[in-house]
Amino acid sequence: MKKSNLVGALCAAALSLVTLSSKAALVSVLGGQAASDTDLGITWIANANLAETMDFGVTGINADGTMTWDKAHEWIAAMNTANYLSFNDWRLPTTLQPDATCAQQSGGSFGGNCTGSEMGHLANVEGVNSDGGPAAVVLGIFTNVLPTPYWSSTDYAPDPTDAWTLSFNGGDQRIGGKDSFNLVWAVRTGVSAVPIPATVWLFGSGLLGLIGIARRKKA
């Protein structure tokens, strides 16, 4: 094979790997402390129950990390004050209301197949659940994904004393009283820098080497 053809093949292979990497929906970032969802353009903290070990000075959080809806907002605010992972725009995930993807629409958008909200997409599109089965969890992208429902920032429109929740045990989207105790999974808008796979670097190094050889021979 001529060197020019080999260079072309290496370019095509490297481009293919970069393209595949860019299409990966969940990518571990920030040294494994967060994961970016490139489908929605958001970034989740990797520890799905960070409040169990880090309260950021907020009192009233249960030992297992559960808290009321108001306390969840307080905890998020404290996280931002602490500039966690160098960001101060963490928030609770939002819920689409109504969500046409949900099987049940009577009185609201309920069920286990909701995909329109941020947590619904994570559970019912990316397949992240509390059983540890999905590749995203097995590969260590997320830790401490638990079956207890997680708070959304979105009020339940018919009754503002309730808010939307989602359980990663089956991906069920429901409502809960704001004075009940649920978990909190922080997210932020924006995708953090995605590391280039080592295979791409390997192809790139080989490509640069061949280009250098070709230039020297031409000279």
N, C-alpha and C. Protein backbone atom coordinates (compact mmCIF):
# COMPACT_ATOMS: atom_id res chain seq x y z
N MET A 1 0.85 -1.20 0.00
CA MET A 1 0.00 0.00 0.00
C MET A 1 0.88 1.24 0.00
N LYS A 2 0.56 2.20 -0.87
CA LYS A 2 1.31 3.44 -0.90
C LYS A 2 1.08 4.21 0.39
N LYS A 3 2.12 5.01 0.75
CA LYS A 3 2.01 5.76 2.00
C LYS A 3 0.86 6.74 1.96
N SER A 4 0.60 7.32 0.78
CA SER A 4 -0.50 8.27 0.68
C SER A 4 -1.83 7.60 0.98
N ASN A 5 -1.95 6.33 0.50
CA ASN A 5 -3.18 5.58 0.78
C ASN A 5 -3.29 5.23 2.26
N LEU A 6 -2.14 4.89 2.87
CA LEU A 6 -2.14 4.54 4.28
C LEU A 6 -2.51 5.75 5.14
N VAL A 7 -1.97 6.91 4.76
CA VAL A 7 -2.30 8.14 5.48
C VAL A 7 -3.80 8.41 5.39
N GLY A 8 -4.36 8.20 4.20
CA GLY A 8 -5.79 8.42 4.01
C GLY A 8 -6.61 7.48 4.86
N ALA A 9 -6.17 6.22 4.92
CA ALA A 9 -6.90 5.24 5.72
C ALA A 9 -6.86 5.59 7.20
N LEU A 10 -5.68 6.04 7.66
CA LEU A 10 -5.56 6.43 9.05
C LEU A 10 -6.45 7.63 9.37
N CYS A 11 -6.50 8.59 8.45
CA CYS A 11 -7.35 9.76 8.64
C CYS A 11 -8.82 9.35 8.77
N ALA A 12 -9.24 8.46 7.87
CA ALA A 12 -10.64 8.03 7.88
C ALA A 12 -10.96 7.29 9.17
N ALA A 13 -10.03 6.43 9.63
CA ALA A 13 -10.27 5.67 10.85
C ALA A 13 -10.34 6.60 12.07
N ALA A 14 -9.42 7.56 12.13
CA ALA A 14 -9.42 8.49 13.25
C ALA A 14 -10.69 9.32 13.27
N LEU A 15 -11.12 9.79 12.07
CA LEU A 15 -12.34 10.57 11.99
C LEU A 15 -13.54 9.76 12.43
N SER A 16 -13.55 8.48 12.05
CA SER A 16 -14.66 7.61 12.44
C SER A 16 -14.73 7.46 13.95
N LEU A 17 -13.56 7.30 14.61
CA LEU A 17 -13.54 7.15 16.05
C LEU A 17 -13.99 8.42 16.75
N VAL A 18 -13.56 9.56 16.25
CA VAL A 18 -13.97 10.83 16.83
C VAL A 18 -15.48 11.00 16.70
N THR A 19 -16.01 10.63 15.51
CA THR A 19 -17.45 10.76 15.27
C THR A 19 -18.24 9.86 16.22
N LEU A 20 -17.79 8.62 16.40
CA LEU A 20 -18.47 7.71 17.31
C LEU A 20 -18.44 8.24 18.73
N SER A 21 -17.27 8.80 19.11
CA SER A 21 -17.15 9.34 20.46
C SER A 21 -18.10 10.51 20.67
N SER A 22 -18.23 11.35 19.64
CA SER A 22 -19.08 12.53 19.77
C SER A 22 -20.55 12.15 19.87
N LYS A 23 -20.91 10.94 19.41
CA LYS A 23 -22.30 10.51 19.45
C LYS A 23 -22.64 9.79 20.75
N ALA A 24 -21.63 9.52 21.58
CA ALA A 24 -21.90 8.82 22.84
C ALA A 24 -22.79 9.67 23.71
N ALA A 25 -23.92 9.14 24.14
CA ALA A 25 -24.90 9.94 24.88
C ALA A 25 -24.41 10.27 26.28
N LEU A 26 -23.81 9.32 26.98
CA LEU A 26 -23.31 9.55 28.33
C LEU A 26 -21.80 9.40 28.34
N VAL A 27 -21.11 10.46 28.75
CA VAL A 27 -19.65 10.45 28.73
C VAL A 27 -19.14 10.92 30.09
N SER A 28 -18.26 10.13 30.70
CA SER A 28 -17.67 10.50 31.98
C SER A 28 -16.74 11.70 31.79
N VAL A 29 -16.90 12.72 32.63
CA VAL A 29 -16.10 13.94 32.52
C VAL A 29 -15.64 14.38 33.91
N LEU A 30 -14.81 15.42 33.92
CA LEU A 30 -14.32 16.02 35.16
C LEU A 30 -13.68 14.97 36.07
N GLY A 31 -12.84 14.16 35.47
CA GLY A 31 -12.13 13.14 36.24
C GLY A 31 -13.02 12.10 36.86
N GLY A 32 -14.16 11.83 36.22
CA GLY A 32 -15.08 10.82 36.73
C GLY A 32 -16.05 11.35 37.76
N GLN A 33 -16.02 12.64 38.04
CA GLN A 33 -16.92 13.20 39.06
C GLN A 33 -18.25 13.68 38.49
N ALA A 34 -18.38 13.62 37.17
CA ALA A 34 -19.62 14.02 36.52
C ALA A 34 -19.76 13.25 35.22
N ALA A 35 -20.94 13.35 34.62
CA ALA A 35 -21.19 12.69 33.34
C ALA A 35 -22.05 13.60 32.47
N SER A 36 -21.62 13.83 31.25
CA SER A 36 -22.36 14.68 30.33
C SER A 36 -23.29 13.84 29.46
N ASP A 37 -24.51 14.30 29.32
CA ASP A 37 -25.49 13.70 28.42
C ASP A 37 -25.48 14.55 27.16
N THR A 38 -24.85 14.04 26.12
CA THR A 38 -24.70 14.83 24.89
C THR A 38 -25.99 14.91 24.10
N ASP A 39 -26.97 14.07 24.42
CA ASP A 39 -28.29 14.17 23.78
C ASP A 39 -29.00 15.45 24.20
N LEU A 40 -28.98 15.73 25.51
CA LEU A 40 -29.72 16.87 26.04
C LEU A 40 -28.84 18.09 26.31
N GLY A 41 -27.53 17.91 26.25
CA GLY A 41 -26.64 19.03 26.52
C GLY A 41 -26.61 19.42 27.98
N ILE A 42 -26.62 18.41 28.87
CA ILE A 42 -26.59 18.66 30.32
C ILE A 42 -25.53 17.78 30.96
N THR A 43 -25.17 18.12 32.19
CA THR A 43 -24.15 17.35 32.92
C THR A 43 -24.66 17.00 34.31
N TRP A 44 -24.63 15.72 34.64
CA TRP A 44 -25.04 15.21 35.95
C TRP A 44 -23.81 15.00 36.83
N ILE A 45 -23.96 15.19 38.14
CA ILE A 45 -22.89 14.76 39.02
C ILE A 45 -22.89 13.23 39.03
N ALA A 46 -21.70 12.64 39.16
CA ALA A 46 -21.59 11.19 39.05
C ALA A 46 -22.20 10.47 40.25
N ASN A 47 -22.08 11.06 41.42
CA ASN A 47 -22.62 10.46 42.63
C ASN A 47 -24.09 10.83 42.75
N ALA A 48 -24.96 9.88 42.52
CA ALA A 48 -26.40 10.15 42.51
C ALA A 48 -26.97 10.35 43.90
N ASN A 49 -26.16 10.22 44.93
CA ASN A 49 -26.61 10.52 46.30
C ASN A 49 -25.51 11.26 47.04
N LEU A 50 -25.05 12.33 46.45
CA LEU A 50 -23.96 13.11 47.03
C LEU A 50 -24.33 13.66 48.40
N ALA A 51 -25.60 13.96 48.62
CA ALA A 51 -26.03 14.56 49.88
C ALA A 51 -25.83 13.64 51.07
N GLU A 52 -25.68 12.35 50.82
CA GLU A 52 -25.45 11.41 51.92
C GLU A 52 -24.11 11.67 52.60
N THR A 53 -23.14 12.16 51.83
CA THR A 53 -21.79 12.37 52.38
C THR A 53 -21.37 13.84 52.39
N MET A 54 -22.06 14.70 51.63
CA MET A 54 -21.71 16.12 51.57
C MET A 54 -22.98 16.95 51.76
N ASP A 55 -23.11 17.61 52.93
CA ASP A 55 -24.30 18.41 53.18
C ASP A 55 -24.10 19.89 52.89
N PHE A 56 -22.86 20.29 52.61
CA PHE A 56 -22.52 21.69 52.32
C PHE A 56 -23.02 22.63 53.43
N GLY A 57 -23.06 22.11 54.64
CA GLY A 57 -23.46 22.93 55.78
C GLY A 57 -24.95 23.05 55.98
N VAL A 58 -25.74 22.32 55.19
CA VAL A 58 -27.19 22.37 55.31
C VAL A 58 -27.65 21.37 56.35
N THR A 59 -28.48 21.81 57.29
CA THR A 59 -29.02 20.92 58.31
C THR A 59 -30.40 20.42 57.88
N GLY A 60 -30.85 19.34 58.49
CA GLY A 60 -32.17 18.80 58.20
C GLY A 60 -32.18 17.76 57.11
N ILE A 61 -31.00 17.32 56.66
CA ILE A 61 -30.91 16.25 55.67
C ILE A 61 -30.78 14.93 56.43
N ASN A 62 -31.56 13.93 56.05
CA ASN A 62 -31.49 12.64 56.71
C ASN A 62 -30.16 11.94 56.42
N ALA A 63 -29.82 11.00 57.29
CA ALA A 63 -28.54 10.30 57.16
C ALA A 63 -28.41 9.56 55.83
N ASP A 64 -29.55 9.16 55.23
CA ASP A 64 -29.50 8.44 53.97
C ASP A 64 -29.51 9.37 52.75
N GLY A 65 -29.47 10.69 53.00
CA GLY A 65 -29.43 11.65 51.90
C GLY A 65 -30.78 12.18 51.47
N THR A 66 -31.87 11.65 52.02
CA THR A 66 -33.20 12.13 51.63
C THR A 66 -33.51 13.46 52.32
N MET A 67 -34.39 14.25 51.69
CA MET A 67 -34.74 15.57 52.21
C MET A 67 -36.05 16.03 51.59
N THR A 68 -36.64 17.07 52.18
CA THR A 68 -37.86 17.64 51.62
C THR A 68 -37.52 18.44 50.36
N TRP A 69 -38.56 18.84 49.64
CA TRP A 69 -38.37 19.60 48.40
C TRP A 69 -37.71 20.95 48.67
N ASP A 70 -38.18 21.66 49.70
CA ASP A 70 -37.58 22.95 50.05
C ASP A 70 -36.12 22.78 50.46
N LYS A 71 -35.85 21.73 51.23
CA LYS A 71 -34.48 21.47 51.67
C LYS A 71 -33.59 21.12 50.47
N ALA A 72 -34.17 20.47 49.45
CA ALA A 72 -33.40 20.14 48.25
C ALA A 72 -32.92 21.42 47.56
N HIS A 73 -33.80 22.42 47.49
CA HIS A 73 -33.40 23.70 46.89
C HIS A 73 -32.32 24.38 47.73
N GLU A 74 -32.45 24.28 49.04
CA GLU A 74 -31.44 24.86 49.93
C GLU A 74 -30.09 24.18 49.73
N TRP A 75 -30.12 22.85 49.59
CA TRP A 75 -28.88 22.10 49.40
C TRP A 75 -28.22 22.46 48.07
N ILE A 76 -29.01 22.60 47.02
CA ILE A 76 -28.47 22.99 45.72
C ILE A 76 -27.83 24.37 45.81
N ALA A 77 -28.49 25.31 46.50
CA ALA A 77 -27.95 26.65 46.65
C ALA A 77 -26.61 26.62 47.39
N ALA A 78 -26.53 25.77 48.41
CA ALA A 78 -25.28 25.65 49.17
C ALA A 78 -24.18 25.03 48.31
N MET A 79 -24.54 24.08 47.46
CA MET A 79 -23.58 23.48 46.54
C MET A 79 -23.00 24.54 45.60
N ASN A 80 -23.88 25.43 45.12
CA ASN A 80 -23.42 26.49 44.23
C ASN A 80 -22.55 27.51 44.95
N THR A 81 -22.89 27.80 46.20
CA THR A 81 -22.05 28.69 47.00
C THR A 81 -20.66 28.10 47.19
N ALA A 82 -20.60 26.78 47.33
CA ALA A 82 -19.32 26.08 47.48
C ALA A 82 -18.59 25.92 46.16
N ASN A 83 -19.24 26.31 45.04
CA ASN A 83 -18.62 26.21 43.72
C ASN A 83 -18.18 24.78 43.43
N TYR A 84 -19.10 23.84 43.65
CA TYR A 84 -18.78 22.43 43.52
C TYR A 84 -18.30 22.09 42.11
N LEU A 85 -17.15 21.42 42.03
CA LEU A 85 -16.51 21.06 40.77
C LEU A 85 -16.26 22.28 39.88
N SER A 86 -16.11 23.45 40.53
CA SER A 86 -15.82 24.73 39.86
C SER A 86 -17.03 25.28 39.09
N PHE A 87 -18.23 24.85 39.45
CA PHE A 87 -19.44 25.38 38.82
C PHE A 87 -20.38 25.90 39.91
N ASN A 88 -21.13 26.94 39.58
CA ASN A 88 -22.11 27.49 40.53
C ASN A 88 -23.50 27.60 39.91
N ASP A 89 -23.75 26.71 38.95
CA ASP A 89 -25.07 26.72 38.30
C ASP A 89 -25.75 25.35 38.35
N TRP A 90 -25.46 24.58 39.40
CA TRP A 90 -26.15 23.31 39.60
C TRP A 90 -27.62 23.58 39.92
N ARG A 91 -28.47 22.64 39.59
CA ARG A 91 -29.91 22.80 39.81
C ARG A 91 -30.56 21.44 39.95
N LEU A 92 -31.83 21.45 40.33
CA LEU A 92 -32.63 20.22 40.28
C LEU A 92 -33.06 19.98 38.83
N PRO A 93 -33.22 18.74 38.43
CA PRO A 93 -33.70 18.46 37.06
C PRO A 93 -35.14 18.93 36.88
N THR A 94 -35.47 19.23 35.65
CA THR A 94 -36.82 19.70 35.33
C THR A 94 -37.66 18.57 34.77
N THR A 95 -38.98 18.73 34.87
CA THR A 95 -39.93 17.74 34.33
C THR A 95 -40.85 18.42 33.33
N LEU A 96 -40.95 17.83 32.16
CA LEU A 96 -41.86 18.35 31.13
C LEU A 96 -43.30 18.09 31.56
N GLN A 97 -44.13 19.14 31.49
CA GLN A 97 -45.51 19.02 31.96
C GLN A 97 -46.44 19.84 31.05
N PRO A 98 -47.30 19.18 30.29
CA PRO A 98 -47.46 17.72 30.18
C PRO A 98 -46.37 17.10 29.29
N ASP A 99 -46.20 15.81 29.43
CA ASP A 99 -45.22 15.06 28.64
C ASP A 99 -45.97 14.04 27.79
N ALA A 100 -46.03 14.30 26.50
CA ALA A 100 -46.81 13.45 25.58
C ALA A 100 -46.26 12.04 25.47
N THR A 101 -45.01 11.81 25.92
CA THR A 101 -44.43 10.47 25.81
C THR A 101 -44.94 9.53 26.89
N CYS A 102 -45.55 10.07 27.94
CA CYS A 102 -46.03 9.23 29.04
C CYS A 102 -47.28 8.45 28.63
N ALA A 103 -47.37 7.23 29.11
CA ALA A 103 -48.51 6.38 28.77
C ALA A 103 -49.79 6.88 29.44
N GLN A 104 -49.66 7.47 30.62
CA GLN A 104 -50.85 7.92 31.37
C GLN A 104 -50.90 9.44 31.38
N GLN A 105 -52.00 10.01 30.91
CA GLN A 105 -52.14 11.46 30.83
C GLN A 105 -53.29 11.98 31.70
N SER A 106 -54.07 11.11 32.28
CA SER A 106 -55.21 11.53 33.10
C SER A 106 -54.72 12.18 34.40
N GLY A 107 -54.97 13.49 34.54
CA GLY A 107 -54.55 14.20 35.74
C GLY A 107 -53.08 14.58 35.74
N GLY A 108 -52.38 14.31 34.67
CA GLY A 108 -50.95 14.62 34.59
C GLY A 108 -50.24 13.58 33.76
N SER A 109 -48.94 13.74 33.60
CA SER A 109 -48.15 12.82 32.78
C SER A 109 -47.39 11.86 33.69
N PHE A 110 -47.88 10.63 33.78
CA PHE A 110 -47.33 9.65 34.71
C PHE A 110 -46.79 8.42 33.97
N GLY A 111 -46.14 7.56 34.73
CA GLY A 111 -45.81 6.25 34.19
C GLY A 111 -44.33 5.96 34.07
N GLY A 112 -44.04 4.77 33.54
CA GLY A 112 -42.67 4.31 33.45
C GLY A 112 -42.02 4.54 32.11
N ASN A 113 -42.72 5.13 31.16
CA ASN A 113 -42.14 5.32 29.83
C ASN A 113 -41.94 6.78 29.47
N CYS A 114 -42.03 7.67 30.45
CA CYS A 114 -41.86 9.09 30.18
C CYS A 114 -40.41 9.38 29.78
N THR A 115 -40.22 10.05 28.67
CA THR A 115 -38.87 10.35 28.19
C THR A 115 -38.65 11.84 27.96
N GLY A 116 -39.67 12.66 28.14
CA GLY A 116 -39.54 14.07 27.82
C GLY A 116 -38.77 14.88 28.84
N SER A 117 -38.74 14.43 30.09
CA SER A 117 -38.03 15.16 31.14
C SER A 117 -36.58 14.69 31.22
N GLU A 118 -35.79 15.45 31.97
CA GLU A 118 -34.35 15.13 32.07
C GLU A 118 -34.12 13.80 32.77
N MET A 119 -34.80 13.57 33.89
CA MET A 119 -34.64 12.28 34.57
C MET A 119 -35.31 11.16 33.78
N GLY A 120 -36.44 11.46 33.14
CA GLY A 120 -37.09 10.45 32.31
C GLY A 120 -36.21 10.00 31.17
N HIS A 121 -35.50 10.93 30.56
CA HIS A 121 -34.56 10.58 29.49
C HIS A 121 -33.43 9.71 30.03
N LEU A 122 -32.92 10.08 31.21
CA LEU A 122 -31.82 9.32 31.80
C LEU A 122 -32.24 7.88 32.12
N ALA A 123 -33.47 7.73 32.65
CA ALA A 123 -33.94 6.41 33.05
C ALA A 123 -34.47 5.59 31.88
N ASN A 124 -35.29 6.22 31.04
CA ASN A 124 -36.05 5.46 30.04
C ASN A 124 -35.47 5.52 28.63
N VAL A 125 -34.48 6.36 28.40
CA VAL A 125 -33.76 6.37 27.12
C VAL A 125 -32.35 5.81 27.31
N GLU A 126 -31.62 6.35 28.29
CA GLU A 126 -30.26 5.87 28.54
C GLU A 126 -30.25 4.58 29.34
N GLY A 127 -31.36 4.24 29.98
CA GLY A 127 -31.47 2.96 30.69
C GLY A 127 -30.80 2.94 32.04
N VAL A 128 -30.57 4.10 32.65
CA VAL A 128 -29.94 4.12 33.97
C VAL A 128 -30.99 3.76 35.02
N ASN A 129 -30.72 2.75 35.82
CA ASN A 129 -31.64 2.37 36.89
C ASN A 129 -30.89 1.96 38.14
N SER A 130 -31.63 1.72 39.18
CA SER A 130 -31.02 1.44 40.48
C SER A 130 -30.56 0.00 40.63
N ASP A 131 -30.76 -0.81 39.60
CA ASP A 131 -30.35 -2.22 39.67
C ASP A 131 -28.88 -2.42 39.32
N GLY A 132 -28.24 -1.39 38.78
CA GLY A 132 -26.83 -1.52 38.41
C GLY A 132 -26.62 -2.27 37.11
N GLY A 133 -27.68 -2.54 36.36
CA GLY A 133 -27.56 -3.31 35.14
C GLY A 133 -27.04 -2.56 33.93
N PRO A 134 -27.47 -1.30 33.72
CA PRO A 134 -27.07 -0.61 32.49
C PRO A 134 -25.56 -0.43 32.39
N ALA A 135 -25.06 -0.38 31.18
CA ALA A 135 -23.63 -0.22 30.96
C ALA A 135 -23.12 1.06 31.60
N ALA A 136 -23.93 2.12 31.58
CA ALA A 136 -23.50 3.40 32.15
C ALA A 136 -23.15 3.27 33.62
N VAL A 137 -23.88 2.43 34.35
CA VAL A 137 -23.61 2.23 35.76
C VAL A 137 -22.49 1.23 35.95
N VAL A 138 -22.53 0.14 35.19
CA VAL A 138 -21.53 -0.91 35.32
C VAL A 138 -20.14 -0.36 35.04
N LEU A 139 -20.03 0.53 34.06
CA LEU A 139 -18.73 1.09 33.70
C LEU A 139 -18.27 2.18 34.66
N GLY A 140 -19.07 2.46 35.66
CA GLY A 140 -18.64 3.40 36.68
C GLY A 140 -18.92 4.85 36.38
N ILE A 141 -19.80 5.13 35.41
CA ILE A 141 -20.12 6.53 35.13
C ILE A 141 -20.88 7.13 36.30
N PHE A 142 -21.83 6.38 36.86
CA PHE A 142 -22.61 6.85 38.00
C PHE A 142 -22.45 5.90 39.18
N THR A 143 -22.59 6.45 40.38
CA THR A 143 -22.58 5.64 41.60
C THR A 143 -23.79 6.04 42.44
N ASN A 144 -24.18 5.12 43.32
CA ASN A 144 -25.26 5.39 44.29
C ASN A 144 -26.59 5.77 43.64
N VAL A 145 -26.92 5.13 42.53
CA VAL A 145 -28.26 5.31 41.95
C VAL A 145 -29.20 4.43 42.76
N LEU A 146 -30.15 5.04 43.45
CA LEU A 146 -30.99 4.33 44.41
C LEU A 146 -32.45 4.29 43.96
N PRO A 147 -33.23 3.33 44.50
CA PRO A 147 -34.64 3.21 44.09
C PRO A 147 -35.56 4.27 44.67
N THR A 148 -35.14 4.95 45.75
CA THR A 148 -35.96 6.01 46.33
C THR A 148 -36.18 7.12 45.30
N PRO A 149 -37.39 7.67 45.19
CA PRO A 149 -37.64 8.72 44.18
C PRO A 149 -36.71 9.93 44.34
N TYR A 150 -36.47 10.59 43.22
CA TYR A 150 -35.63 11.80 43.18
C TYR A 150 -36.50 13.01 42.87
N TRP A 151 -36.19 14.13 43.52
CA TRP A 151 -36.95 15.35 43.32
C TRP A 151 -36.68 15.99 41.97
N SER A 152 -37.73 16.53 41.38
CA SER A 152 -37.64 17.45 40.26
C SER A 152 -37.88 18.86 40.79
N SER A 153 -37.45 19.86 40.04
CA SER A 153 -37.71 21.24 40.45
C SER A 153 -39.11 21.70 40.05
N THR A 154 -39.83 20.88 39.29
CA THR A 154 -41.10 21.29 38.68
C THR A 154 -42.29 21.00 39.59
N ASP A 155 -43.06 22.06 39.86
CA ASP A 155 -44.31 21.89 40.63
C ASP A 155 -45.31 21.05 39.84
N TYR A 156 -46.15 20.34 40.56
CA TYR A 156 -47.29 19.67 39.94
C TYR A 156 -48.37 20.73 39.73
N ALA A 157 -48.67 21.04 38.48
CA ALA A 157 -49.52 22.19 38.16
C ALA A 157 -50.87 22.21 38.88
N PRO A 158 -51.60 21.08 38.97
CA PRO A 158 -52.91 21.13 39.65
C PRO A 158 -52.82 21.40 41.15
N ASP A 159 -51.66 21.11 41.76
CA ASP A 159 -51.52 21.29 43.20
C ASP A 159 -50.08 21.66 43.53
N PRO A 160 -49.77 22.94 43.72
CA PRO A 160 -48.38 23.38 43.94
C PRO A 160 -47.78 22.93 45.26
N THR A 161 -48.56 22.23 46.10
CA THR A 161 -47.95 21.65 47.30
C THR A 161 -47.25 20.34 46.97
N ASP A 162 -47.41 19.88 45.72
CA ASP A 162 -46.74 18.67 45.24
C ASP A 162 -45.71 19.04 44.18
N ALA A 163 -44.76 18.14 43.96
CA ALA A 163 -43.75 18.32 42.91
C ALA A 163 -43.52 16.98 42.23
N TRP A 164 -42.98 17.05 41.03
CA TRP A 164 -42.71 15.82 40.27
C TRP A 164 -41.49 15.10 40.81
N THR A 165 -41.55 13.78 40.75
CA THR A 165 -40.42 12.93 41.14
C THR A 165 -40.23 11.85 40.08
N LEU A 166 -39.11 11.16 40.18
CA LEU A 166 -38.89 9.99 39.32
C LEU A 166 -38.11 8.95 40.10
N SER A 167 -38.54 7.70 39.99
CA SER A 167 -37.84 6.59 40.62
C SER A 167 -37.04 5.85 39.57
N PHE A 168 -35.76 5.61 39.86
CA PHE A 168 -34.92 4.86 38.93
C PHE A 168 -35.09 3.35 39.11
N ASN A 169 -36.05 2.97 39.92
CA ASN A 169 -36.45 1.57 40.02
C ASN A 169 -37.67 1.39 39.12
N GLY A 170 -37.43 1.26 37.82
CA GLY A 170 -38.50 1.13 36.85
C GLY A 170 -38.75 2.39 36.05
N GLY A 171 -38.14 3.50 36.46
CA GLY A 171 -38.28 4.74 35.70
C GLY A 171 -39.65 5.39 35.81
N ASP A 172 -40.36 5.16 36.91
CA ASP A 172 -41.70 5.71 37.08
C ASP A 172 -41.67 7.19 37.43
N GLN A 173 -42.40 8.00 36.68
CA GLN A 173 -42.56 9.42 36.95
C GLN A 173 -43.85 9.62 37.73
N ARG A 174 -43.73 10.23 38.91
CA ARG A 174 -44.90 10.41 39.80
C ARG A 174 -44.85 11.79 40.42
N ILE A 175 -45.80 12.06 41.31
CA ILE A 175 -45.77 13.29 42.10
C ILE A 175 -45.62 12.93 43.57
N GLY A 176 -45.08 13.88 44.34
CA GLY A 176 -44.93 13.66 45.77
C GLY A 176 -45.15 14.95 46.52
N GLY A 177 -45.67 14.84 47.74
CA GLY A 177 -45.84 16.02 48.57
C GLY A 177 -44.50 16.64 48.89
N LYS A 178 -44.42 17.95 48.83
CA LYS A 178 -43.13 18.62 49.02
C LYS A 178 -42.55 18.44 50.42
N ASP A 179 -43.39 17.98 51.36
CA ASP A 179 -42.90 17.74 52.71
C ASP A 179 -42.44 16.29 52.90
N SER A 180 -42.50 15.48 51.83
CA SER A 180 -42.00 14.10 51.93
C SER A 180 -40.49 14.10 51.70
N PHE A 181 -39.87 12.96 51.97
CA PHE A 181 -38.41 12.88 51.91
C PHE A 181 -37.97 12.05 50.70
N ASN A 182 -37.28 12.70 49.79
CA ASN A 182 -36.76 12.04 48.59
C ASN A 182 -35.30 12.40 48.38
N LEU A 183 -34.70 11.79 47.37
CA LEU A 183 -33.29 12.04 47.06
C LEU A 183 -33.13 13.21 46.11
N VAL A 184 -31.90 13.67 45.97
CA VAL A 184 -31.59 14.79 45.09
C VAL A 184 -30.41 14.42 44.20
N TRP A 185 -30.57 14.64 42.90
CA TRP A 185 -29.48 14.40 41.94
C TRP A 185 -29.26 15.69 41.16
N ALA A 186 -28.15 16.33 41.40
CA ALA A 186 -27.88 17.64 40.81
C ALA A 186 -27.45 17.53 39.35
N VAL A 187 -27.88 18.51 38.57
CA VAL A 187 -27.56 18.57 37.15
C VAL A 187 -27.30 20.03 36.79
N ARG A 188 -26.62 20.26 35.70
CA ARG A 188 -26.42 21.62 35.21
C ARG A 188 -26.56 21.63 33.70
N THR A 189 -26.94 22.77 33.15
CA THR A 189 -27.03 22.91 31.71
C THR A 189 -25.64 23.12 31.13
N GLY A 190 -25.32 22.37 30.08
CA GLY A 190 -24.00 22.48 29.46
C GLY A 190 -23.27 21.15 29.51
N VAL A 191 -22.47 20.91 28.48
CA VAL A 191 -21.69 19.68 28.39
C VAL A 191 -20.23 20.01 28.65
N SER A 192 -19.64 19.35 29.63
CA SER A 192 -18.24 19.56 29.95
C SER A 192 -17.36 18.95 28.87
N ALA A 193 -16.10 19.36 28.84
CA ALA A 193 -15.16 18.87 27.83
C ALA A 193 -15.09 17.36 27.85
N VAL A 194 -15.26 16.76 26.67
CA VAL A 194 -15.25 15.30 26.55
C VAL A 194 -13.84 14.84 26.19
N PRO A 195 -13.23 13.95 26.99
CA PRO A 195 -11.88 13.50 26.69
C PRO A 195 -11.82 12.69 25.40
N ILE A 196 -10.75 12.88 24.64
CA ILE A 196 -10.55 12.12 23.41
C ILE A 196 -10.03 10.74 23.76
N PRO A 197 -10.65 9.68 23.23
CA PRO A 197 -10.21 8.31 23.55
C PRO A 197 -8.76 8.08 23.18
N ALA A 198 -8.10 7.19 23.94
CA ALA A 198 -6.69 6.89 23.69
C ALA A 198 -6.47 6.36 22.29
N THR A 199 -7.45 5.62 21.73
CA THR A 199 -7.29 5.09 20.37
C THR A 199 -7.15 6.21 19.34
N VAL A 200 -7.86 7.31 19.58
CA VAL A 200 -7.76 8.43 18.65
C VAL A 200 -6.37 9.04 18.72
N TRP A 201 -5.84 9.17 19.94
CA TRP A 201 -4.48 9.70 20.09
C TRP A 201 -3.47 8.79 19.39
N LEU A 202 -3.68 7.47 19.49
CA LEU A 202 -2.78 6.52 18.86
C LEU A 202 -2.78 6.69 17.35
N PHE A 203 -3.98 6.77 16.76
CA PHE A 203 -4.07 6.99 15.32
C PHE A 203 -3.45 8.33 14.93
N GLY A 204 -3.69 9.33 15.75
CA GLY A 204 -3.15 10.64 15.45
C GLY A 204 -1.64 10.65 15.46
N SER A 205 -1.04 9.96 16.42
CA SER A 205 0.42 9.89 16.50
C SER A 205 0.99 9.18 15.27
N GLY A 206 0.34 8.06 14.89
CA GLY A 206 0.80 7.35 13.70
C GLY A 206 0.66 8.18 12.45
N LEU A 207 -0.43 8.91 12.36
CA LEU A 207 -0.66 9.76 11.20
C LEU A 207 0.39 10.84 11.09
N LEU A 208 0.71 11.50 12.19
CA LEU A 208 1.73 12.54 12.17
C LEU A 208 3.10 11.97 11.81
N GLY A 209 3.39 10.77 12.30
CA GLY A 209 4.66 10.14 11.96
C GLY A 209 4.78 9.86 10.48
N LEU A 210 3.72 9.32 9.87
CA LEU A 210 3.76 9.02 8.44
C LEU A 210 3.84 10.28 7.59
N ILE A 211 3.16 11.33 8.03
CA ILE A 211 3.24 12.59 7.29
C ILE A 211 4.66 13.13 7.33
N GLY A 212 5.30 13.01 8.51
CA GLY A 212 6.68 13.46 8.62
C GLY A 212 7.61 12.68 7.72
N ILE A 213 7.42 11.36 7.62
CA ILE A 213 8.27 10.54 6.76
C ILE A 213 8.07 10.93 5.30
N ALA A 214 6.82 11.09 4.92
CA ALA A 214 6.52 11.45 3.53
C ALA A 214 7.13 12.78 3.14
N ARG A 215 7.08 13.75 4.05
CA ARG A 215 7.67 15.05 3.77
C ARG A 215 9.18 14.99 3.64
N ARG A 216 9.81 14.18 4.48
CA ARG A 216 11.28 14.07 4.41
C ARG A 216 11.71 13.43 3.10
N LYS A 217 10.97 12.39 2.65
CA LYS A 217 11.32 11.73 1.39
C LYS A 217 11.10 12.64 0.19
N LYS A 218 10.02 13.44 0.28
CA LYS A 218 9.74 14.38 -0.81
C LYS A 218 10.84 15.43 -0.91
N ALA A 219 11.34 15.88 0.25
CA ALA A 219 12.42 16.87 0.27
C ALA A 219 13.71 16.28 -0.27
